[in-house]
Amino acid sequence: MRLQKFMANCGVASRRKSEALILAGQVKVNNVLVAELGTQIDPLVDQVEVQGRLLERPGFAYFFLNKPKGVLTTVTDTHNRPCVMDLLPEIPGLHPVGRLDMDTEGLLLLTNDGELTYLLTHPKHEFSKTYEGLVKGIPSDQALKDFATGMEIEDYRTAPAAIRVLAQENDKTRLEMIIHEGKKRQIRKMCQAMGTPIISLKRTAIGKLKLGKLKSGQFRMLTEAEVNYLKEINQW
């Protein structure tokens, strides 16, 4: 692991500020001054000191949050709007993995484990995300087929997905939709392309891990088995 990344994970500072501390000669590795960027360390073996303080590898935290509608999936907001971090305990480096737009509620993962974040957000590590949506209108059989096989959205074509009708009432339809991509507002754009715009949208599962009975605004820690499951995502 790069030295500056380890420092950032320990909550010393951002990665950029950690680099500045290294260049300023404020960091030692195994009691040897390091003043060049790019130094690789083994966090389990090497000892790192910053301004005379020995750093310890942080314990990683993993949370599921039922994000309410109207809350931003960001760490901070310049307009002082409510953010998901307002609902979680203060833990150095804690951040949301991926995002749900402001009008979408449901299951959101937050962690300070950078390697897991990379694994779950890198395009080559596709995994399923399940949504339940209430839409205006009744989608045609052809529209449902297009959703499932792939459709043209703006400047890209969506990957194959899954969709099924849960219920229909008057001029509204409740759908379950499963996608393996994470492009911005993708579900909303796909439903709009079907001619059935979203009224409300909730993410109910990430892979095989479900929202369950977690109430809006509540969070819980992941079990060891759930964390291990997410870390094996590239084997799906």
C-alpha atoms as a PDB file:
ATOM      1  CA  MET A   1       0.000   0.000   0.000  1.00  0.00           C
ATOM      2  CA  ARG A   2       1.226   3.508  -0.770  1.00  0.00           C
ATOM      3  CA  LEU A   3       2.326   5.393   2.302  1.00  0.00           C
ATOM      4  CA  GLN A   4       0.016   8.362   1.722  1.00  0.00           C
ATOM      5  CA  LYS A   5      -2.988   6.042   1.303  1.00  0.00           C
ATOM      6  CA  PHE A   6      -2.216   4.347   4.621  1.00  0.00           C
ATOM      7  CA  MET A   7      -1.935   7.754   6.307  1.00  0.00           C
ATOM      8  CA  ALA A   8      -5.300   8.817   4.874  1.00  0.00           C
ATOM      9  CA  ASN A   9      -6.913   5.555   6.005  1.00  0.00           C
ATOM     10  CA  CYS A  10      -5.619   6.226   9.513  1.00  0.00           C
ATOM     11  CA  GLY A  11      -7.384   9.590   9.515  1.00  0.00           C
ATOM     12  CA  VAL A  12      -4.201  11.684   9.568  1.00  0.00           C
ATOM     13  CA  ALA A  13      -5.346  13.859   6.678  1.00  0.00           C
ATOM     14  CA  SER A  14      -6.571  13.607   3.110  1.00  0.00           C
ATOM     15  CA  ARG A  15      -4.290  11.782   0.702  1.00  0.00           C
ATOM     16  CA  ARG A  16      -3.116  15.087  -0.805  1.00  0.00           C
ATOM     17  CA  LYS A  17      -2.318  16.585   2.610  1.00  0.00           C
ATOM     18  CA  SER A  18      -0.616  13.347   3.588  1.00  0.00           C
ATOM     19  CA  GLU A  19       1.623  13.734   0.552  1.00  0.00           C
ATOM     20  CA  ALA A  20       2.484  17.257   1.712  1.00  0.00           C
ATOM     21  CA  LEU A  21       3.496  15.903   5.129  1.00  0.00           C
ATOM     22  CA  ILE A  22       5.769  13.353   3.451  1.00  0.00           C
ATOM     23  CA  LEU A  23       7.434  15.984   1.265  1.00  0.00           C
ATOM     24  CA  ALA A  24       7.897  18.195   4.327  1.00  0.00           C
ATOM     25  CA  GLY A  25       9.912  15.455   6.045  1.00  0.00           C
ATOM     26  CA  GLN A  26       7.327  14.828   8.750  1.00  0.00           C
ATOM     27  CA  VAL A  27       6.995  11.064   8.201  1.00  0.00           C
ATOM     28  CA  LYS A  28       9.158   8.114   9.209  1.00  0.00           C
ATOM     29  CA  VAL A  29       8.845   4.446   8.231  1.00  0.00           C
ATOM     30  CA  ASN A  30      10.568   2.009  10.551  1.00  0.00           C
ATOM     31  CA  ASN A  31      12.351   4.990  12.144  1.00  0.00           C
ATOM     32  CA  VAL A  32      13.754   6.105   8.773  1.00  0.00           C
ATOM     33  CA  LEU A  33      12.754   9.502   7.420  1.00  0.00           C
ATOM     34  CA  VAL A  34      10.794   9.301   4.152  1.00  0.00           C
ATOM     35  CA  ALA A  35      10.573  12.454   2.058  1.00  0.00           C
ATOM     36  CA  GLU A  36       9.648  11.069  -1.357  1.00  0.00           C
ATOM     37  CA  LEU A  37       6.256  10.086  -2.705  1.00  0.00           C
ATOM     38  CA  GLY A  38       5.521   6.600  -3.989  1.00  0.00           C
ATOM     39  CA  THR A  39       6.890   4.705  -0.985  1.00  0.00           C
ATOM     40  CA  GLN A  40       5.200   1.332  -0.563  1.00  0.00           C
ATOM     41  CA  ILE A  41       4.618  -0.131   2.895  1.00  0.00           C
ATOM     42  CA  ASP A  42       3.136  -3.247   4.451  1.00  0.00           C
ATOM     43  CA  PRO A  43       0.560  -1.939   6.957  1.00  0.00           C
ATOM     44  CA  LEU A  44       0.749  -5.195   8.925  1.00  0.00           C
ATOM     45  CA  VAL A  45       4.530  -5.061   9.341  1.00  0.00           C
ATOM     46  CA  ASP A  46       5.923  -1.552   8.889  1.00  0.00           C
ATOM     47  CA  GLN A  47       5.763   1.135  11.583  1.00  0.00           C
ATOM     48  CA  VAL A  48       4.773   4.613  10.431  1.00  0.00           C
ATOM     49  CA  GLU A  49       5.313   7.786  12.452  1.00  0.00           C
ATOM     50  CA  VAL A  50       3.822  11.166  11.567  1.00  0.00           C
ATOM     51  CA  GLN A  51       5.270  14.128  13.437  1.00  0.00           C
ATOM     52  CA  GLY A  52       6.510  11.718  16.103  1.00  0.00           C
ATOM     53  CA  ARG A  53       3.193   9.878  16.525  1.00  0.00           C
ATOM     54  CA  LEU A  54       3.044   6.161  15.753  1.00  0.00           C
ATOM     55  CA  LEU A  55       0.082   5.251  13.557  1.00  0.00           C
ATOM     56  CA  GLU A  56      -2.004   2.144  14.018  1.00  0.00           C
ATOM     57  CA  ARG A  57      -3.926   0.429  11.244  1.00  0.00           C
ATOM     58  CA  PRO A  58      -7.529   1.514  11.740  1.00  0.00           C
ATOM     59  CA  GLY A  59     -10.266  -0.948  12.381  1.00  0.00           C
ATOM     60  CA  PHE A  60     -12.649  -1.019   9.446  1.00  0.00           C
ATOM     61  CA  ALA A  61     -16.328  -0.244   9.887  1.00  0.00           C
ATOM     62  CA  TYR A  62     -19.180  -1.418   7.652  1.00  0.00           C
ATOM     63  CA  PHE A  63     -22.732  -0.092   7.841  1.00  0.00           C
ATOM     64  CA  PHE A  64     -26.010  -0.504   6.000  1.00  0.00           C
ATOM     65  CA  LEU A  65     -28.231   2.571   6.028  1.00  0.00           C
ATOM     66  CA  ASN A  66     -31.822   2.875   4.886  1.00  0.00           C
ATOM     67  CA  LYS A  67     -31.331   6.247   3.224  1.00  0.00           C
ATOM     68  CA  PRO A  68     -34.401   8.454   3.458  1.00  0.00           C
ATOM     69  CA  LYS A  69     -35.724  10.438   0.527  1.00  0.00           C
ATOM     70  CA  GLY A  70     -34.411  14.000   0.507  1.00  0.00           C
ATOM     71  CA  VAL A  71     -30.972  13.130   1.928  1.00  0.00           C
ATOM     72  CA  LEU A  72     -27.820  13.527  -0.187  1.00  0.00           C
ATOM     73  CA  THR A  73     -25.383  10.648  -0.664  1.00  0.00           C
ATOM     74  CA  THR A  74     -22.358  12.809   0.107  1.00  0.00           C
ATOM     75  CA  VAL A  75     -20.004  13.341   3.025  1.00  0.00           C
ATOM     76  CA  THR A  76     -20.637  17.113   3.130  1.00  0.00           C
ATOM     77  CA  ASP A  77     -22.687  19.667   1.210  1.00  0.00           C
ATOM     78  CA  THR A  78     -21.770  23.289   0.515  1.00  0.00           C
ATOM     79  CA  HIS A  79     -25.449  24.309   0.753  1.00  0.00           C
ATOM     80  CA  ASN A  80     -25.850  22.717   4.184  1.00  0.00           C
ATOM     81  CA  ARG A  81     -28.438  20.206   2.971  1.00  0.00           C
ATOM     82  CA  PRO A  82     -28.898  16.937   4.933  1.00  0.00           C
ATOM     83  CA  CYS A  83     -26.312  14.265   4.077  1.00  0.00           C
ATOM     84  CA  VAL A  84     -26.121  10.561   4.855  1.00  0.00           C
ATOM     85  CA  MET A  85     -23.169  11.192   7.166  1.00  0.00           C
ATOM     86  CA  ASP A  86     -25.502  13.111   9.483  1.00  0.00           C
ATOM     87  CA  LEU A  87     -27.189   9.773  10.230  1.00  0.00           C
ATOM     88  CA  LEU A  88     -24.027   7.765  11.034  1.00  0.00           C
ATOM     89  CA  PRO A  89     -21.493   7.833  13.896  1.00  0.00           C
ATOM     90  CA  GLU A  90     -18.358   9.905  13.333  1.00  0.00           C
ATOM     91  CA  ILE A  91     -15.691   7.458  12.178  1.00  0.00           C
ATOM     92  CA  PRO A  92     -12.525   8.627  10.341  1.00  0.00           C
ATOM     93  CA  GLY A  93     -12.704   7.910   6.626  1.00  0.00           C
ATOM     94  CA  LEU A  94     -16.298   6.685   6.641  1.00  0.00           C
ATOM     95  CA  HIS A  95     -17.947   7.295   3.264  1.00  0.00           C
ATOM     96  CA  PRO A  96     -20.809   5.998   1.110  1.00  0.00           C
ATOM     97  CA  VAL A  97     -20.063   3.301  -1.470  1.00  0.00           C
ATOM     98  CA  GLY A  98     -21.733   4.378  -4.701  1.00  0.00           C
ATOM     99  CA  ARG A  99     -24.732   6.629  -4.430  1.00  0.00           C
ATOM    100  CA  LEU A 100     -28.481   6.943  -4.400  1.00  0.00           C
ATOM    101  CA  ASP A 101     -29.880  10.164  -5.821  1.00  0.00           C
ATOM    102  CA  MET A 102     -31.616  12.577  -3.476  1.00  0.00           C
ATOM    103  CA  ASP A 103     -35.123  11.375  -4.370  1.00  0.00           C
ATOM    104  CA  THR A 104     -34.296   7.661  -4.035  1.00  0.00           C
ATOM    105  CA  GLU A 105     -34.419   5.848  -0.714  1.00  0.00           C
ATOM    106  CA  GLY A 106     -33.226   2.472   0.439  1.00  0.00           C
ATOM    107  CA  LEU A 107     -30.147   0.355   1.018  1.00  0.00           C
ATOM    108  CA  LEU A 108     -26.786   2.157   1.064  1.00  0.00           C
ATOM    109  CA  LEU A 109     -23.420   0.752   2.134  1.00  0.00           C
ATOM    110  CA  LEU A 110     -20.940   2.954   4.027  1.00  0.00           C
ATOM    111  CA  THR A 111     -17.414   1.989   5.061  1.00  0.00           C
ATOM    112  CA  ASN A 112     -13.893   3.289   5.662  1.00  0.00           C
ATOM    113  CA  ASP A 113     -12.426   0.273   3.851  1.00  0.00           C
ATOM    114  CA  GLY A 114     -10.978   1.759   0.675  1.00  0.00           C
ATOM    115  CA  GLU A 115     -10.177  -1.597  -0.909  1.00  0.00           C
ATOM    116  CA  LEU A 116     -13.783  -2.761  -0.588  1.00  0.00           C
ATOM    117  CA  THR A 117     -15.007   0.545  -2.012  1.00  0.00           C
ATOM    118  CA  TYR A 118     -12.762   0.034  -5.048  1.00  0.00           C
ATOM    119  CA  LEU A 119     -13.977  -3.532  -5.463  1.00  0.00           C
ATOM    120  CA  LEU A 120     -17.650  -2.567  -5.387  1.00  0.00           C
ATOM    121  CA  THR A 121     -17.430   0.546  -7.563  1.00  0.00           C
ATOM    122  CA  HIS A 122     -14.992  -0.539 -10.286  1.00  0.00           C
ATOM    123  CA  PRO A 123     -16.830  -1.197 -13.593  1.00  0.00           C
ATOM    124  CA  LYS A 124     -15.245  -4.637 -14.037  1.00  0.00           C
ATOM    125  CA  HIS A 125     -16.769  -5.816 -10.750  1.00  0.00           C
ATOM    126  CA  GLU A 126     -20.410  -5.746 -11.730  1.00  0.00           C
ATOM    127  CA  PHE A 127     -22.949  -6.910  -9.170  1.00  0.00           C
ATOM    128  CA  SER A 128     -26.698  -6.789  -8.878  1.00  0.00           C
ATOM    129  CA  LYS A 129     -28.722  -3.995  -7.300  1.00  0.00           C
ATOM    130  CA  THR A 130     -32.429  -4.534  -6.763  1.00  0.00           C
ATOM    131  CA  TYR A 131     -34.966  -1.702  -6.784  1.00  0.00           C
ATOM    132  CA  GLU A 132     -38.671  -1.460  -6.167  1.00  0.00           C
ATOM    133  CA  GLY A 133     -40.326   1.368  -8.037  1.00  0.00           C
ATOM    134  CA  LEU A 134     -43.789   2.802  -8.393  1.00  0.00           C
ATOM    135  CA  VAL A 135     -44.272   4.192 -11.896  1.00  0.00           C
ATOM    136  CA  LYS A 136     -46.958   6.160 -13.662  1.00  0.00           C
ATOM    137  CA  GLY A 137     -48.795   4.153 -16.298  1.00  0.00           C
ATOM    138  CA  ILE A 138     -48.669   0.510 -17.330  1.00  0.00           C
ATOM    139  CA  PRO A 139     -45.596  -0.630 -19.297  1.00  0.00           C
ATOM    140  CA  SER A 140     -46.255  -2.603 -22.453  1.00  0.00           C
ATOM    141  CA  ASP A 141     -44.869  -6.100 -22.996  1.00  0.00           C
ATOM    142  CA  GLN A 142     -42.434  -4.662 -25.532  1.00  0.00           C
ATOM    143  CA  ALA A 143     -41.252  -2.013 -23.061  1.00  0.00           C
ATOM    144  CA  LEU A 144     -40.597  -4.687 -20.441  1.00  0.00           C
ATOM    145  CA  LYS A 145     -38.686  -6.724 -23.011  1.00  0.00           C
ATOM    146  CA  ASP A 146     -36.585  -3.696 -24.006  1.00  0.00           C
ATOM    147  CA  PHE A 147     -35.770  -3.023 -20.353  1.00  0.00           C
ATOM    148  CA  ALA A 148     -34.633  -6.629 -19.914  1.00  0.00           C
ATOM    149  CA  THR A 149     -32.577  -6.951 -23.108  1.00  0.00           C
ATOM    150  CA  GLY A 150     -31.032  -3.468 -23.163  1.00  0.00           C
ATOM    151  CA  MET A 151     -32.180  -0.049 -24.277  1.00  0.00           C
ATOM    152  CA  GLU A 152     -30.671   3.131 -25.662  1.00  0.00           C
ATOM    153  CA  ILE A 153     -30.322   5.788 -22.948  1.00  0.00           C
ATOM    154  CA  GLU A 154     -28.760   9.073 -24.001  1.00  0.00           C
ATOM    155  CA  ASP A 155     -25.317   8.076 -25.346  1.00  0.00           C
ATOM    156  CA  TYR A 156     -25.130   4.471 -24.161  1.00  0.00           C
ATOM    157  CA  ARG A 157     -26.952   1.160 -24.305  1.00  0.00           C
ATOM    158  CA  THR A 158     -27.880  -0.487 -21.031  1.00  0.00           C
ATOM    159  CA  ALA A 159     -26.770  -4.012 -20.194  1.00  0.00           C
ATOM    160  CA  PRO A 160     -29.309  -6.823 -19.846  1.00  0.00           C
ATOM    161  CA  ALA A 161     -31.399  -6.455 -16.699  1.00  0.00           C
ATOM    162  CA  ALA A 162     -34.334  -8.088 -14.949  1.00  0.00           C
ATOM    163  CA  ILE A 163     -37.807  -6.647 -14.453  1.00  0.00           C
ATOM    164  CA  ARG A 164     -41.126  -7.967 -13.222  1.00  0.00           C
ATOM    165  CA  VAL A 165     -44.511  -6.484 -12.417  1.00  0.00           C
ATOM    166  CA  LEU A 166     -45.409  -6.717  -8.732  1.00  0.00           C
ATOM    167  CA  ALA A 167     -48.789  -4.995  -8.863  1.00  0.00           C
ATOM    168  CA  GLN A 168     -50.986  -2.766 -11.007  1.00  0.00           C
ATOM    169  CA  GLU A 169     -53.540  -0.311  -9.728  1.00  0.00           C
ATOM    170  CA  ASN A 170     -55.469   2.113 -11.898  1.00  0.00           C
ATOM    171  CA  ASP A 171     -52.809   4.002 -13.862  1.00  0.00           C
ATOM    172  CA  LYS A 172     -49.846   2.992 -11.673  1.00  0.00           C
ATOM    173  CA  THR A 173     -47.550  -0.041 -11.688  1.00  0.00           C
ATOM    174  CA  ARG A 174     -45.199  -1.379  -9.012  1.00  0.00           C
ATOM    175  CA  LEU A 175     -42.054  -2.948 -10.479  1.00  0.00           C
ATOM    176  CA  GLU A 176     -39.071  -4.899  -9.238  1.00  0.00           C
ATOM    177  CA  MET A 177     -35.957  -4.084 -11.270  1.00  0.00           C
ATOM    178  CA  ILE A 178     -32.463  -5.590 -11.044  1.00  0.00           C
ATOM    179  CA  ILE A 179     -29.499  -3.967 -12.797  1.00  0.00           C
ATOM    180  CA  HIS A 180     -25.762  -4.662 -12.805  1.00  0.00           C
ATOM    181  CA  GLU A 181     -24.637  -1.163 -13.723  1.00  0.00           C
ATOM    182  CA  GLY A 182     -24.527   2.029 -11.715  1.00  0.00           C
ATOM    183  CA  LYS A 183     -24.790   4.926 -14.116  1.00  0.00           C
ATOM    184  CA  LYS A 184     -26.277   8.169 -12.831  1.00  0.00           C
ATOM    185  CA  ARG A 185     -30.079   7.990 -12.409  1.00  0.00           C
ATOM    186  CA  GLN A 186     -30.102   4.905 -14.657  1.00  0.00           C
ATOM    187  CA  ILE A 187     -33.292   3.289 -13.322  1.00  0.00           C
ATOM    188  CA  ARG A 188     -35.179   6.573 -13.619  1.00  0.00           C
ATOM    189  CA  LYS A 189     -33.977   7.074 -17.194  1.00  0.00           C
ATOM    190  CA  MET A 190     -34.891   3.512 -18.173  1.00  0.00           C
ATOM    191  CA  CYS A 191     -38.409   3.870 -16.765  1.00  0.00           C
ATOM    192  CA  GLN A 192     -38.788   7.203 -18.537  1.00  0.00           C
ATOM    193  CA  ALA A 193     -37.728   5.514 -21.778  1.00  0.00           C
ATOM    194  CA  MET A 194     -40.463   2.888 -21.231  1.00  0.00           C
ATOM    195  CA  GLY A 195     -43.000   5.714 -21.038  1.00  0.00           C
ATOM    196  CA  THR A 196     -43.631   5.061 -17.328  1.00  0.00           C
ATOM    197  CA  PRO A 197     -41.854   7.743 -15.269  1.00  0.00           C
ATOM    198  CA  ILE A 198     -40.864   6.992 -11.682  1.00  0.00           C
ATOM    199  CA  ILE A 199     -43.140   8.164  -8.876  1.00  0.00           C
ATOM    200  CA  SER A 200     -41.081   6.646  -6.049  1.00  0.00           C
ATOM    201  CA  LEU A 201     -37.988   4.461  -5.974  1.00  0.00           C
ATOM    202  CA  LYS A 202     -36.293   2.345  -3.302  1.00  0.00           C
ATOM    203  CA  ARG A 203     -33.204   0.123  -3.430  1.00  0.00           C
ATOM    204  CA  THR A 204     -34.051  -3.097  -1.613  1.00  0.00           C
ATOM    205  CA  ALA A 205     -30.925  -5.234  -2.087  1.00  0.00           C
ATOM    206  CA  ILE A 206     -27.229  -5.166  -2.942  1.00  0.00           C
ATOM    207  CA  GLY A 207     -26.288  -8.534  -4.358  1.00  0.00           C
ATOM    208  CA  LYS A 208     -27.915 -11.061  -2.032  1.00  0.00           C
ATOM    209  CA  LEU A 209     -27.966  -8.676   0.948  1.00  0.00           C
ATOM    210  CA  LYS A 210     -31.422  -7.227   1.558  1.00  0.00           C
ATOM    211  CA  LEU A 211     -32.796  -4.104   3.206  1.00  0.00           C
ATOM    212  CA  GLY A 212     -35.086  -6.225   5.354  1.00  0.00           C
ATOM    213  CA  LYS A 213     -36.874  -4.488   8.217  1.00  0.00           C
ATOM    214  CA  LEU A 214     -34.419  -1.595   8.525  1.00  0.00           C
ATOM    215  CA  LYS A 215     -36.561   1.534   8.897  1.00  0.00           C
ATOM    216  CA  SER A 216     -35.980   4.783   7.031  1.00  0.00           C
ATOM    217  CA  GLY A 217     -33.048   6.672   8.553  1.00  0.00           C
ATOM    218  CA  GLN A 218     -31.851   3.687  10.590  1.00  0.00           C
ATOM    219  CA  PHE A 219     -28.508   1.906  10.181  1.00  0.00           C
ATOM    220  CA  ARG A 220     -26.889  -1.309  11.334  1.00  0.00           C
ATOM    221  CA  MET A 221     -23.416  -2.814  11.248  1.00  0.00           C
ATOM    222  CA  LEU A 222     -22.763  -5.619   8.779  1.00  0.00           C
ATOM    223  CA  THR A 223     -22.014  -9.083  10.095  1.00  0.00           C
ATOM    224  CA  GLU A 224     -18.655 -10.707   9.390  1.00  0.00           C
ATOM    225  CA  ALA A 225     -20.367 -13.084   6.954  1.00  0.00           C
ATOM    226  CA  GLU A 226     -21.906 -10.153   5.051  1.00  0.00           C
ATOM    227  CA  VAL A 227     -18.546  -8.372   4.797  1.00  0.00           C
ATOM    228  CA  ASN A 228     -16.868 -11.540   3.533  1.00  0.00           C
ATOM    229  CA  TYR A 229     -19.642 -11.954   0.972  1.00  0.00           C
ATOM    230  CA  LEU A 230     -19.048  -8.436  -0.381  1.00  0.00           C
ATOM    231  CA  LYS A 231     -15.287  -8.987  -0.529  1.00  0.00           C
ATOM    232  CA  GLU A 232     -15.856 -12.045  -2.715  1.00  0.00           C
ATOM    233  CA  ILE A 233     -17.843  -9.954  -5.197  1.00  0.00           C
ATOM    234  CA  ASN A 234     -15.285 -10.453  -7.984  1.00  0.00           C
ATOM    235  CA  GLN A 235     -15.907 -14.197  -7.839  1.00  0.00           C
ATOM    236  CA  TRP A 236     -19.615 -13.897  -8.721  1.00  0.00           C
END
